[in-house]
Amino acid sequence: MMIRGAPWGDFWREIGHRTLNVAGLAGIVSGLPDAGGIKGALDAMASEPPGEDYVLRFLLLQAGSFGGKAVGMRGGRWVTHGFRSYWVPGPHHNRRTPVNPMMPMPGTLLARVREIAERCEGLTGMSADVRSFSPPPAAVAYIDPPYGGTTDYSGGPPLDVSRIAEGLGCPCYVSEARPLSDNAVLLSAGRRKGGISGRRAGANEEWLSAFNAPALTDG
């Protein structure tokens, strides 16, 4: 079961119902310009009201969102934080390779969506608030919330993720930028510095915290 707020939840619902229009996504991707023109194409796409194919366009808008910030819909309009430009390093940058305007790029996104649509048999997807969900017997849950201090997907008040995880009553694992329980391990150990210029001192930390679950180990 995959439970997310809209429009991610709508994507997973269509995947579960096998109604996602992969051919339609391929058509949109084929009409995109090369890397240098993608930002302008996404700006134009976001200026149009979401239509019947909003799920497909959302995937592209989210992949190009500046800083990976959440893209949503409100009042019949897209809500975005701008889109990445194609960035080429200069002679004084540590980084030597360009930064693409989308992550993943359109062709890779299409290939991944196609594989998900073909292989996710038996999946139930829904657009819902996780706080209203009761897991079925013998369930194992994983929660991937917006990291603390980042943009929330819903635009609503922050979720108390620890309380939600404890209240599910089943083994639950939560990804965050800090440990949320005494039963947690650091997943990002050993990751190298990054950032668009290659000068950031270290990678963002990623912790996996367990609730109602056996003790985690670094292995």
N, C-alpha and C. Protein backbone atom coordinates (compact mmCIF):
# COMPACT_ATOMS: atom_id res chain seq x y z
N MET A 1 0.85 -1.18 0.00
CA MET A 1 0.00 0.00 0.00
C MET A 1 0.89 1.24 0.00
N MET A 2 0.54 2.22 -0.80
CA MET A 2 1.28 3.46 -0.89
C MET A 2 0.31 4.61 -0.59
N ILE A 3 0.57 5.34 0.47
CA ILE A 3 -0.35 6.40 0.90
C ILE A 3 0.41 7.72 0.89
N ARG A 4 -0.05 8.65 0.10
CA ARG A 4 0.57 9.97 0.01
C ARG A 4 -0.52 11.01 -0.20
N GLY A 5 -0.20 12.25 0.12
CA GLY A 5 -1.08 13.34 -0.23
C GLY A 5 -1.01 13.60 -1.72
N ALA A 6 -1.99 14.33 -2.24
CA ALA A 6 -2.00 14.66 -3.67
C ALA A 6 -0.87 15.64 -3.96
N PRO A 7 -0.29 15.59 -5.17
CA PRO A 7 -0.61 14.68 -6.27
C PRO A 7 0.17 13.37 -6.29
N TRP A 8 1.13 13.18 -5.36
CA TRP A 8 1.82 11.89 -5.33
C TRP A 8 0.83 10.74 -5.10
N GLY A 9 -0.11 10.95 -4.19
CA GLY A 9 -1.08 9.89 -3.93
C GLY A 9 -1.89 9.55 -5.16
N ASP A 10 -2.19 10.55 -6.00
CA ASP A 10 -2.93 10.29 -7.24
C ASP A 10 -2.08 9.47 -8.21
N PHE A 11 -0.77 9.73 -8.23
CA PHE A 11 0.12 8.93 -9.07
C PHE A 11 0.09 7.47 -8.64
N TRP A 12 0.23 7.22 -7.35
CA TRP A 12 0.26 5.83 -6.89
C TRP A 12 -1.11 5.15 -7.03
N ARG A 13 -2.19 5.91 -6.92
CA ARG A 13 -3.51 5.33 -7.17
C ARG A 13 -3.63 4.87 -8.61
N GLU A 14 -3.16 5.69 -9.55
CA GLU A 14 -3.22 5.30 -10.96
C GLU A 14 -2.30 4.13 -11.24
N ILE A 15 -1.15 4.07 -10.57
CA ILE A 15 -0.27 2.91 -10.73
C ILE A 15 -0.99 1.66 -10.25
N GLY A 16 -1.60 1.72 -9.07
CA GLY A 16 -2.30 0.56 -8.53
C GLY A 16 -3.47 0.12 -9.39
N HIS A 17 -4.19 1.07 -9.97
CA HIS A 17 -5.33 0.76 -10.85
C HIS A 17 -4.89 0.44 -12.28
N ARG A 18 -3.60 0.60 -12.56
CA ARG A 18 -3.05 0.37 -13.90
C ARG A 18 -3.71 1.29 -14.94
N THR A 19 -3.93 2.53 -14.53
CA THR A 19 -4.53 3.50 -15.44
C THR A 19 -3.58 4.64 -15.79
N LEU A 20 -2.35 4.60 -15.28
CA LEU A 20 -1.42 5.68 -15.60
C LEU A 20 -1.10 5.67 -17.09
N ASN A 21 -1.21 6.83 -17.72
CA ASN A 21 -1.03 6.94 -19.16
C ASN A 21 0.46 7.12 -19.48
N VAL A 22 1.19 6.00 -19.53
CA VAL A 22 2.62 6.06 -19.79
C VAL A 22 2.88 6.59 -21.20
N ALA A 23 2.03 6.22 -22.15
CA ALA A 23 2.21 6.74 -23.52
C ALA A 23 2.04 8.25 -23.54
N GLY A 24 1.13 8.77 -22.73
CA GLY A 24 0.95 10.21 -22.65
C GLY A 24 2.18 10.90 -22.09
N LEU A 25 2.81 10.28 -21.07
CA LEU A 25 4.03 10.84 -20.52
C LEU A 25 5.14 10.82 -21.58
N ALA A 26 5.22 9.75 -22.35
CA ALA A 26 6.22 9.67 -23.41
C ALA A 26 6.02 10.78 -24.43
N GLY A 27 4.77 11.11 -24.73
CA GLY A 27 4.49 12.18 -25.68
C GLY A 27 4.94 13.53 -25.16
N ILE A 28 4.71 13.79 -23.87
CA ILE A 28 5.14 15.06 -23.29
C ILE A 28 6.67 15.15 -23.28
N VAL A 29 7.31 14.05 -22.89
CA VAL A 29 8.77 14.02 -22.83
C VAL A 29 9.38 14.26 -24.21
N SER A 30 8.77 13.67 -25.24
CA SER A 30 9.32 13.83 -26.59
C SER A 30 9.25 15.28 -27.07
N GLY A 31 8.36 16.08 -26.50
CA GLY A 31 8.22 17.46 -26.91
C GLY A 31 9.08 18.43 -26.12
N LEU A 32 9.84 17.94 -25.14
CA LEU A 32 10.68 18.83 -24.34
C LEU A 32 11.95 19.21 -25.12
N PRO A 33 12.47 20.41 -24.90
CA PRO A 33 13.72 20.81 -25.56
C PRO A 33 14.92 20.14 -24.90
N ASP A 34 16.12 20.46 -25.39
CA ASP A 34 17.32 19.91 -24.79
C ASP A 34 17.54 20.54 -23.41
N ALA A 35 18.61 20.13 -22.73
CA ALA A 35 18.82 20.51 -21.33
C ALA A 35 18.77 22.01 -21.11
N GLY A 36 19.33 22.78 -22.02
CA GLY A 36 19.37 24.22 -21.84
C GLY A 36 18.02 24.89 -21.90
N GLY A 37 17.03 24.26 -22.51
CA GLY A 37 15.70 24.86 -22.64
C GLY A 37 14.66 24.28 -21.71
N ILE A 38 15.05 23.32 -20.87
CA ILE A 38 14.06 22.63 -20.03
C ILE A 38 13.44 23.58 -19.01
N LYS A 39 14.24 24.45 -18.39
CA LYS A 39 13.67 25.35 -17.38
C LYS A 39 12.54 26.18 -17.98
N GLY A 40 12.74 26.75 -19.16
CA GLY A 40 11.69 27.54 -19.79
C GLY A 40 10.46 26.72 -20.08
N ALA A 41 10.64 25.46 -20.50
CA ALA A 41 9.50 24.59 -20.78
C ALA A 41 8.72 24.28 -19.51
N LEU A 42 9.42 24.06 -18.39
CA LEU A 42 8.73 23.78 -17.13
C LEU A 42 8.04 25.03 -16.59
N ASP A 43 8.67 26.20 -16.77
CA ASP A 43 8.01 27.45 -16.38
C ASP A 43 6.69 27.62 -17.12
N ALA A 44 6.70 27.33 -18.42
CA ALA A 44 5.48 27.46 -19.22
C ALA A 44 4.44 26.43 -18.79
N MET A 45 4.88 25.21 -18.51
CA MET A 45 3.96 24.16 -18.09
C MET A 45 3.30 24.52 -16.77
N ALA A 46 4.09 25.07 -15.84
CA ALA A 46 3.54 25.42 -14.52
C ALA A 46 2.61 26.61 -14.57
N SER A 47 2.67 27.42 -15.63
CA SER A 47 1.80 28.58 -15.75
C SER A 47 0.40 28.20 -16.23
N GLU A 48 0.24 26.96 -16.73
CA GLU A 48 -1.05 26.50 -17.21
C GLU A 48 -1.81 25.79 -16.10
N PRO A 49 -3.14 25.91 -16.03
CA PRO A 49 -3.91 25.21 -15.00
C PRO A 49 -3.73 23.69 -15.14
N PRO A 50 -3.66 22.96 -14.04
CA PRO A 50 -3.58 21.50 -14.14
C PRO A 50 -4.78 20.94 -14.89
N GLY A 51 -4.53 20.09 -15.88
CA GLY A 51 -5.60 19.48 -16.67
C GLY A 51 -5.78 18.02 -16.32
N GLU A 52 -6.40 17.28 -17.21
CA GLU A 52 -6.66 15.87 -16.95
C GLU A 52 -5.38 15.07 -16.81
N ASP A 53 -4.30 15.52 -17.44
CA ASP A 53 -3.03 14.82 -17.37
C ASP A 53 -2.12 15.42 -16.29
N TYR A 54 -2.72 15.99 -15.24
CA TYR A 54 -1.92 16.69 -14.23
C TYR A 54 -0.91 15.77 -13.55
N VAL A 55 -1.24 14.49 -13.40
CA VAL A 55 -0.31 13.56 -12.74
C VAL A 55 0.98 13.45 -13.55
N LEU A 56 0.85 13.36 -14.88
CA LEU A 56 2.02 13.23 -15.74
C LEU A 56 2.87 14.50 -15.68
N ARG A 57 2.22 15.64 -15.74
CA ARG A 57 2.95 16.90 -15.72
C ARG A 57 3.56 17.15 -14.34
N PHE A 58 2.89 16.72 -13.32
CA PHE A 58 3.46 16.84 -11.97
C PHE A 58 4.80 16.13 -11.86
N LEU A 59 4.90 14.93 -12.44
CA LEU A 59 6.16 14.19 -12.35
C LEU A 59 7.31 14.99 -12.93
N LEU A 60 7.08 15.65 -14.05
CA LEU A 60 8.12 16.45 -14.70
C LEU A 60 8.42 17.71 -13.89
N LEU A 61 7.38 18.38 -13.41
CA LEU A 61 7.57 19.60 -12.63
C LEU A 61 8.34 19.29 -11.33
N GLN A 62 8.00 18.19 -10.69
CA GLN A 62 8.68 17.84 -9.45
C GLN A 62 10.15 17.50 -9.70
N ALA A 63 10.43 16.80 -10.79
CA ALA A 63 11.81 16.44 -11.11
C ALA A 63 12.67 17.67 -11.39
N GLY A 64 12.04 18.75 -11.86
CA GLY A 64 12.78 19.96 -12.16
C GLY A 64 12.71 21.02 -11.08
N SER A 65 12.04 20.73 -9.97
CA SER A 65 11.83 21.74 -8.93
C SER A 65 13.16 22.18 -8.31
N PHE A 66 13.34 23.47 -8.20
CA PHE A 66 14.58 24.02 -7.64
C PHE A 66 14.73 23.57 -6.19
N GLY A 67 15.89 22.98 -5.89
CA GLY A 67 16.14 22.49 -4.54
C GLY A 67 15.34 21.25 -4.19
N GLY A 68 14.64 20.66 -5.17
CA GLY A 68 13.81 19.50 -4.88
C GLY A 68 12.57 19.82 -4.06
N LYS A 69 12.22 21.12 -3.96
CA LYS A 69 11.07 21.48 -3.13
C LYS A 69 9.78 20.95 -3.73
N ALA A 70 8.83 20.70 -2.84
CA ALA A 70 7.59 20.06 -3.25
C ALA A 70 6.78 20.93 -4.19
N VAL A 71 6.21 20.32 -5.21
CA VAL A 71 5.27 20.95 -6.13
C VAL A 71 3.87 20.48 -5.75
N GLY A 72 2.93 21.39 -5.70
CA GLY A 72 1.57 21.04 -5.35
C GLY A 72 0.56 21.78 -6.20
N MET A 73 -0.70 21.66 -5.82
CA MET A 73 -1.79 22.34 -6.52
C MET A 73 -2.67 23.02 -5.49
N ARG A 74 -3.11 24.23 -5.84
CA ARG A 74 -4.01 24.95 -4.94
C ARG A 74 -4.83 25.92 -5.76
N GLY A 75 -6.15 25.88 -5.57
CA GLY A 75 -7.03 26.81 -6.26
C GLY A 75 -6.96 26.71 -7.77
N GLY A 76 -6.77 25.50 -8.29
CA GLY A 76 -6.73 25.31 -9.73
C GLY A 76 -5.44 25.79 -10.38
N ARG A 77 -4.37 25.94 -9.59
CA ARG A 77 -3.08 26.37 -10.12
C ARG A 77 -1.97 25.53 -9.52
N TRP A 78 -0.86 25.45 -10.25
CA TRP A 78 0.33 24.80 -9.71
C TRP A 78 0.98 25.72 -8.69
N VAL A 79 1.50 25.14 -7.63
CA VAL A 79 2.26 25.87 -6.63
C VAL A 79 3.68 25.32 -6.68
N THR A 80 4.63 26.17 -7.08
CA THR A 80 6.02 25.73 -7.23
C THR A 80 6.96 26.75 -6.58
N HIS A 81 8.22 26.38 -6.54
CA HIS A 81 9.25 27.27 -6.00
C HIS A 81 10.30 27.57 -7.07
N GLY A 82 9.91 27.46 -8.32
CA GLY A 82 10.83 27.71 -9.42
C GLY A 82 11.53 26.42 -9.85
N PHE A 83 12.26 26.51 -10.95
CA PHE A 83 12.86 25.33 -11.54
C PHE A 83 14.35 25.53 -11.78
N ARG A 84 15.05 24.41 -11.83
CA ARG A 84 16.51 24.45 -12.01
C ARG A 84 16.88 24.93 -13.41
N SER A 85 17.99 25.61 -13.49
CA SER A 85 18.59 25.94 -14.78
C SER A 85 19.71 24.93 -15.06
N TYR A 86 20.03 24.78 -16.32
CA TYR A 86 21.20 23.99 -16.70
C TYR A 86 22.43 24.78 -16.31
N TRP A 87 23.28 24.20 -15.47
CA TRP A 87 24.40 24.92 -14.88
C TRP A 87 25.71 24.32 -15.34
N VAL A 88 26.59 25.16 -15.85
CA VAL A 88 27.90 24.71 -16.31
C VAL A 88 28.97 25.33 -15.43
N PRO A 89 29.87 24.54 -14.83
CA PRO A 89 30.87 25.09 -13.92
C PRO A 89 31.89 25.97 -14.63
N GLY A 90 32.34 26.99 -13.94
CA GLY A 90 33.40 27.85 -14.47
C GLY A 90 34.76 27.35 -14.04
N PRO A 91 35.80 28.03 -14.41
CA PRO A 91 37.17 27.57 -14.12
C PRO A 91 37.52 27.57 -12.64
N HIS A 92 36.76 28.31 -11.81
CA HIS A 92 37.09 28.40 -10.40
C HIS A 92 36.23 27.49 -9.52
N HIS A 93 35.39 26.67 -10.13
CA HIS A 93 34.56 25.75 -9.37
C HIS A 93 35.29 24.42 -9.20
N ASN A 94 35.07 23.81 -8.02
CA ASN A 94 35.63 22.47 -7.80
C ASN A 94 34.95 21.44 -8.68
N ARG A 95 33.68 21.62 -8.89
CA ARG A 95 32.93 20.69 -9.73
C ARG A 95 33.30 20.90 -11.19
N ARG A 96 33.47 19.81 -11.94
CA ARG A 96 33.89 19.90 -13.33
C ARG A 96 32.82 19.48 -14.32
N THR A 97 31.71 18.95 -13.83
CA THR A 97 30.66 18.50 -14.74
C THR A 97 29.42 19.37 -14.59
N PRO A 98 28.62 19.52 -15.65
CA PRO A 98 27.40 20.33 -15.56
C PRO A 98 26.38 19.73 -14.59
N VAL A 99 25.47 20.57 -14.14
CA VAL A 99 24.35 20.13 -13.31
C VAL A 99 23.10 20.18 -14.17
N ASN A 100 22.44 19.05 -14.31
CA ASN A 100 21.26 18.97 -15.16
C ASN A 100 20.07 19.71 -14.55
N PRO A 101 19.13 20.16 -15.38
CA PRO A 101 17.97 20.91 -14.87
C PRO A 101 16.88 20.03 -14.28
N MET A 102 17.01 18.72 -14.42
CA MET A 102 16.04 17.81 -13.82
C MET A 102 16.77 16.65 -13.16
N MET A 103 16.13 16.09 -12.13
CA MET A 103 16.67 14.92 -11.45
C MET A 103 15.52 13.99 -11.11
N PRO A 104 15.33 12.91 -11.88
CA PRO A 104 16.14 12.50 -13.03
C PRO A 104 15.75 13.29 -14.29
N MET A 105 16.58 13.15 -15.31
CA MET A 105 16.29 13.79 -16.60
C MET A 105 15.09 13.09 -17.25
N PRO A 106 14.43 13.74 -18.22
CA PRO A 106 13.16 13.23 -18.75
C PRO A 106 13.21 11.78 -19.23
N GLY A 107 14.24 11.41 -19.98
CA GLY A 107 14.30 10.04 -20.49
C GLY A 107 14.40 9.02 -19.38
N THR A 108 15.21 9.33 -18.36
CA THR A 108 15.34 8.41 -17.23
C THR A 108 14.05 8.34 -16.43
N LEU A 109 13.40 9.50 -16.23
CA LEU A 109 12.12 9.52 -15.53
C LEU A 109 11.10 8.64 -16.24
N LEU A 110 11.01 8.78 -17.56
CA LEU A 110 10.07 7.98 -18.33
C LEU A 110 10.36 6.50 -18.17
N ALA A 111 11.63 6.11 -18.25
CA ALA A 111 11.99 4.70 -18.13
C ALA A 111 11.62 4.16 -16.75
N ARG A 112 11.83 4.95 -15.71
CA ARG A 112 11.50 4.49 -14.35
C ARG A 112 10.00 4.38 -14.16
N VAL A 113 9.25 5.35 -14.66
CA VAL A 113 7.79 5.30 -14.53
C VAL A 113 7.24 4.11 -15.30
N ARG A 114 7.78 3.86 -16.48
CA ARG A 114 7.33 2.71 -17.27
C ARG A 114 7.56 1.41 -16.51
N GLU A 115 8.72 1.28 -15.89
CA GLU A 115 9.01 0.06 -15.14
C GLU A 115 8.11 -0.08 -13.93
N ILE A 116 7.88 1.03 -13.23
CA ILE A 116 6.96 0.99 -12.08
C ILE A 116 5.58 0.55 -12.53
N ALA A 117 5.09 1.12 -13.62
CA ALA A 117 3.74 0.79 -14.11
C ALA A 117 3.65 -0.67 -14.51
N GLU A 118 4.73 -1.23 -15.04
CA GLU A 118 4.70 -2.62 -15.49
C GLU A 118 4.87 -3.62 -14.35
N ARG A 119 5.64 -3.25 -13.33
CA ARG A 119 6.06 -4.23 -12.33
C ARG A 119 5.32 -4.15 -11.01
N CYS A 120 4.64 -3.03 -10.72
CA CYS A 120 3.99 -2.88 -9.41
C CYS A 120 2.63 -3.56 -9.41
N GLU A 121 2.65 -4.87 -9.40
CA GLU A 121 1.40 -5.64 -9.34
C GLU A 121 0.96 -5.77 -7.88
N GLY A 122 -0.34 -5.68 -7.67
CA GLY A 122 -0.88 -5.86 -6.32
C GLY A 122 -0.74 -4.64 -5.43
N LEU A 123 -0.32 -3.52 -5.98
CA LEU A 123 -0.16 -2.32 -5.18
C LEU A 123 -1.49 -1.58 -5.05
N THR A 124 -1.77 -1.09 -3.86
CA THR A 124 -2.92 -0.22 -3.63
C THR A 124 -2.41 1.17 -3.30
N GLY A 125 -2.74 2.14 -4.11
CA GLY A 125 -2.32 3.50 -3.87
C GLY A 125 -3.50 4.38 -3.56
N MET A 126 -3.31 5.33 -2.67
CA MET A 126 -4.41 6.24 -2.33
C MET A 126 -3.87 7.60 -1.95
N SER A 127 -4.65 8.61 -2.24
CA SER A 127 -4.35 9.97 -1.82
C SER A 127 -5.11 10.21 -0.52
N ALA A 128 -4.37 10.22 0.59
CA ALA A 128 -5.02 10.31 1.89
C ALA A 128 -4.04 10.87 2.91
N ASP A 129 -4.55 11.22 4.07
CA ASP A 129 -3.74 11.68 5.19
C ASP A 129 -3.34 10.45 6.00
N VAL A 130 -2.05 10.26 6.19
CA VAL A 130 -1.57 9.07 6.89
C VAL A 130 -2.12 8.99 8.32
N ARG A 131 -2.51 10.13 8.89
CA ARG A 131 -3.05 10.13 10.25
C ARG A 131 -4.40 9.45 10.34
N SER A 132 -5.06 9.28 9.20
CA SER A 132 -6.38 8.64 9.19
C SER A 132 -6.29 7.17 8.80
N PHE A 133 -5.08 6.63 8.72
CA PHE A 133 -4.88 5.28 8.19
C PHE A 133 -4.58 4.29 9.31
N SER A 134 -5.23 3.13 9.26
CA SER A 134 -4.94 2.03 10.18
C SER A 134 -4.34 0.88 9.37
N PRO A 135 -3.12 0.46 9.67
CA PRO A 135 -2.49 -0.59 8.87
C PRO A 135 -3.18 -1.93 9.05
N PRO A 136 -3.16 -2.76 8.03
CA PRO A 136 -3.74 -4.10 8.14
C PRO A 136 -2.89 -4.97 9.03
N PRO A 137 -3.40 -6.16 9.44
CA PRO A 137 -2.62 -7.06 10.30
C PRO A 137 -1.29 -7.44 9.65
N ALA A 138 -0.27 -7.62 10.47
CA ALA A 138 1.06 -8.06 10.05
C ALA A 138 1.74 -7.07 9.11
N ALA A 139 1.34 -5.81 9.17
CA ALA A 139 1.94 -4.81 8.29
C ALA A 139 3.30 -4.36 8.82
N VAL A 140 4.12 -3.88 7.91
CA VAL A 140 5.36 -3.17 8.23
C VAL A 140 5.27 -1.83 7.50
N ALA A 141 5.49 -0.74 8.21
CA ALA A 141 5.30 0.59 7.62
C ALA A 141 6.63 1.31 7.46
N TYR A 142 6.70 2.15 6.44
CA TYR A 142 7.85 3.04 6.22
C TYR A 142 7.30 4.43 5.95
N ILE A 143 7.81 5.43 6.65
CA ILE A 143 7.36 6.81 6.49
C ILE A 143 8.54 7.65 6.01
N ASP A 144 8.32 8.38 4.93
CA ASP A 144 9.36 9.26 4.40
C ASP A 144 8.80 10.68 4.38
N PRO A 145 8.84 11.37 5.52
CA PRO A 145 8.22 12.71 5.60
C PRO A 145 9.15 13.77 5.04
N PRO A 146 8.63 14.98 4.84
CA PRO A 146 9.54 16.10 4.54
C PRO A 146 10.50 16.28 5.71
N TYR A 147 11.78 16.39 5.44
CA TYR A 147 12.75 16.57 6.52
C TYR A 147 12.48 17.87 7.25
N GLY A 148 12.77 17.89 8.54
CA GLY A 148 12.55 19.07 9.36
C GLY A 148 13.21 20.30 8.76
N GLY A 149 12.47 21.40 8.68
CA GLY A 149 12.99 22.63 8.13
C GLY A 149 12.87 22.76 6.63
N THR A 150 12.31 21.73 5.98
CA THR A 150 12.12 21.80 4.53
C THR A 150 10.64 22.02 4.23
N THR A 151 10.33 22.20 2.94
CA THR A 151 8.96 22.50 2.52
C THR A 151 8.06 21.28 2.67
N ASP A 152 6.94 21.46 3.35
CA ASP A 152 5.97 20.38 3.51
C ASP A 152 5.24 20.16 2.21
N TYR A 153 4.90 18.89 1.90
CA TYR A 153 4.19 18.57 0.67
C TYR A 153 2.76 19.10 0.69
N SER A 154 2.14 19.08 1.87
CA SER A 154 0.72 19.41 1.95
C SER A 154 0.46 20.90 2.14
N GLY A 155 1.44 21.63 2.65
CA GLY A 155 1.21 23.03 2.97
C GLY A 155 0.47 23.21 4.28
N GLY A 156 0.19 22.11 4.99
CA GLY A 156 -0.51 22.18 6.25
C GLY A 156 0.45 22.25 7.42
N PRO A 157 -0.07 22.09 8.66
CA PRO A 157 0.80 22.14 9.84
C PRO A 157 1.75 20.95 9.84
N PRO A 158 2.91 21.09 10.47
CA PRO A 158 3.88 19.98 10.52
C PRO A 158 3.28 18.74 11.17
N LEU A 159 3.69 17.58 10.68
CA LEU A 159 3.24 16.32 11.26
C LEU A 159 4.13 15.93 12.42
N ASP A 160 3.55 15.35 13.46
CA ASP A 160 4.33 14.75 14.54
C ASP A 160 4.62 13.32 14.12
N VAL A 161 5.71 13.16 13.37
CA VAL A 161 5.98 11.86 12.75
C VAL A 161 6.23 10.78 13.79
N SER A 162 6.94 11.11 14.86
CA SER A 162 7.22 10.11 15.89
C SER A 162 5.92 9.59 16.51
N ARG A 163 5.00 10.49 16.77
CA ARG A 163 3.72 10.08 17.37
C ARG A 163 2.93 9.21 16.39
N ILE A 164 2.96 9.57 15.12
CA ILE A 164 2.27 8.76 14.11
C ILE A 164 2.88 7.37 14.04
N ALA A 165 4.22 7.31 14.01
CA ALA A 165 4.90 6.01 13.89
C ALA A 165 4.60 5.12 15.09
N GLU A 166 4.62 5.70 16.28
CA GLU A 166 4.32 4.91 17.47
C GLU A 166 2.87 4.44 17.47
N GLY A 167 1.97 5.30 16.99
CA GLY A 167 0.55 4.98 17.04
C GLY A 167 0.08 3.97 16.02
N LEU A 168 0.90 3.66 15.01
CA LEU A 168 0.48 2.68 14.00
C LEU A 168 0.35 1.28 14.59
N GLY A 169 1.11 1.00 15.64
CA GLY A 169 0.99 -0.30 16.29
C GLY A 169 1.65 -1.44 15.54
N CYS A 170 2.47 -1.13 14.56
CA CYS A 170 3.19 -2.15 13.81
C CYS A 170 4.63 -1.69 13.65
N PRO A 171 5.56 -2.57 13.27
CA PRO A 171 6.92 -2.10 13.02
C PRO A 171 6.92 -0.96 12.00
N CYS A 172 7.56 0.14 12.34
CA CYS A 172 7.55 1.32 11.47
C CYS A 172 8.94 1.92 11.42
N TYR A 173 9.36 2.28 10.22
CA TYR A 173 10.69 2.85 10.00
C TYR A 173 10.52 4.23 9.37
N VAL A 174 11.27 5.22 9.87
CA VAL A 174 11.10 6.60 9.45
C VAL A 174 12.45 7.16 9.00
N SER A 175 12.46 7.80 7.83
CA SER A 175 13.66 8.46 7.33
C SER A 175 13.60 9.94 7.71
N GLU A 176 14.68 10.44 8.29
CA GLU A 176 14.76 11.85 8.67
C GLU A 176 16.22 12.29 8.69
N ALA A 177 16.44 13.59 8.84
CA ALA A 177 17.79 14.14 8.88
C ALA A 177 18.39 14.06 10.28
N ARG A 178 17.66 13.49 11.23
CA ARG A 178 18.15 13.32 12.59
C ARG A 178 17.46 12.08 13.18
N PRO A 179 18.05 11.46 14.20
CA PRO A 179 17.39 10.30 14.81
C PRO A 179 16.13 10.73 15.55
N LEU A 180 15.07 9.94 15.39
CA LEU A 180 13.79 10.23 16.04
C LEU A 180 13.48 9.28 17.18
N SER A 181 14.28 8.25 17.33
CA SER A 181 14.08 7.28 18.41
C SER A 181 15.45 6.79 18.87
N ASP A 182 15.47 6.08 20.00
CA ASP A 182 16.72 5.50 20.48
C ASP A 182 17.18 4.36 19.57
N ASN A 183 16.28 3.85 18.76
CA ASN A 183 16.58 2.75 17.85
C ASN A 183 16.75 3.33 16.45
N ALA A 184 17.95 3.86 16.14
CA ALA A 184 18.17 4.56 14.87
C ALA A 184 19.60 4.30 14.39
N VAL A 185 19.78 4.34 13.08
CA VAL A 185 21.11 4.20 12.49
C VAL A 185 21.29 5.29 11.44
N LEU A 186 22.54 5.72 11.26
CA LEU A 186 22.91 6.72 10.26
C LEU A 186 23.16 6.03 8.94
N LEU A 187 22.38 6.38 7.91
CA LEU A 187 22.52 5.76 6.60
C LEU A 187 23.50 6.50 5.70
N SER A 188 23.78 7.75 6.01
CA SER A 188 24.56 8.58 5.09
C SER A 188 26.05 8.60 5.40
N ALA A 189 26.50 7.78 6.34
CA ALA A 189 27.92 7.76 6.69
C ALA A 189 28.77 7.44 5.46
N GLY A 190 29.81 8.22 5.27
CA GLY A 190 30.71 7.97 4.14
C GLY A 190 30.35 8.71 2.88
N ARG A 191 29.21 9.38 2.84
CA ARG A 191 28.86 10.16 1.66
C ARG A 191 29.78 11.37 1.53
N ARG A 192 30.13 11.69 0.32
CA ARG A 192 31.08 12.78 0.09
C ARG A 192 30.38 14.13 0.06
N LYS A 193 31.19 15.18 0.16
CA LYS A 193 30.65 16.53 0.08
C LYS A 193 30.00 16.75 -1.28
N GLY A 194 29.16 17.76 -1.36
CA GLY A 194 28.44 17.98 -2.61
C GLY A 194 28.07 19.43 -2.79
N GLY A 195 26.84 19.65 -3.24
CA GLY A 195 26.41 21.00 -3.57
C GLY A 195 26.71 21.30 -5.02
N ILE A 196 26.07 22.32 -5.55
CA ILE A 196 26.19 22.62 -6.97
C ILE A 196 27.62 22.99 -7.34
N SER A 197 28.39 23.58 -6.41
CA SER A 197 29.77 23.96 -6.72
C SER A 197 30.78 22.92 -6.29
N GLY A 198 30.33 21.89 -5.55
CA GLY A 198 31.26 20.90 -5.03
C GLY A 198 32.01 21.36 -3.80
N ARG A 199 31.60 22.47 -3.19
CA ARG A 199 32.34 23.03 -2.07
C ARG A 199 31.68 22.78 -0.71
N ARG A 200 30.48 22.24 -0.70
CA ARG A 200 29.82 22.00 0.58
C ARG A 200 30.65 21.02 1.40
N ALA A 201 30.78 21.30 2.70
CA ALA A 201 31.71 20.53 3.53
C ALA A 201 31.29 19.08 3.70
N GLY A 202 30.01 18.80 3.71
CA GLY A 202 29.57 17.43 3.94
C GLY A 202 28.20 17.18 3.37
N ALA A 203 27.82 15.91 3.28
CA ALA A 203 26.51 15.54 2.76
C ALA A 203 25.46 15.71 3.84
N ASN A 204 24.21 15.87 3.43
CA ASN A 204 23.12 15.89 4.39
C ASN A 204 23.02 14.54 5.08
N GLU A 205 22.78 14.56 6.38
CA GLU A 205 22.64 13.31 7.11
C GLU A 205 21.28 12.68 6.82
N GLU A 206 21.25 11.37 6.79
CA GLU A 206 20.00 10.61 6.64
C GLU A 206 19.99 9.51 7.68
N TRP A 207 18.99 9.56 8.54
CA TRP A 207 18.84 8.59 9.62
C TRP A 207 17.61 7.73 9.39
N LEU A 208 17.70 6.47 9.77
CA LEU A 208 16.54 5.57 9.77
C LEU A 208 16.24 5.25 11.22
N SER A 209 15.04 5.65 11.67
CA SER A 209 14.61 5.40 13.04
C SER A 209 13.51 4.36 13.05
N ALA A 210 13.59 3.44 14.00
CA ALA A 210 12.62 2.35 14.09
C ALA A 210 11.72 2.53 15.30
N PHE A 211 10.45 2.18 15.12
CA PHE A 211 9.46 2.20 16.19
C PHE A 211 8.76 0.84 16.21
N ASN A 212 8.49 0.33 17.40
CA ASN A 212 7.81 -0.96 17.53
C ASN A 212 8.54 -2.05 16.74
N ALA A 213 9.86 -1.98 16.72
CA ALA A 213 10.64 -2.87 15.84
C ALA A 213 11.90 -3.35 16.56
N PRO A 214 12.48 -4.48 16.08
CA PRO A 214 13.74 -4.96 16.66
C PRO A 214 14.85 -3.92 16.50
N ALA A 215 15.90 -4.08 17.30
CA ALA A 215 17.00 -3.13 17.27
C ALA A 215 17.67 -3.13 15.90
N LEU A 216 17.96 -1.94 15.38
CA LEU A 216 18.66 -1.80 14.11
C LEU A 216 20.17 -1.92 14.34
N THR A 217 20.87 -2.34 13.30
CA THR A 217 22.34 -2.39 13.35
C THR A 217 22.89 -1.66 12.15
N ASP A 218 24.12 -1.22 12.23
CA ASP A 218 24.75 -0.51 11.12
C ASP A 218 24.94 -1.39 9.92
N GLY A 219 24.93 -2.68 10.09
CA GLY A 219 25.07 -3.59 8.95
C GLY A 219 23.79 -3.76 8.19
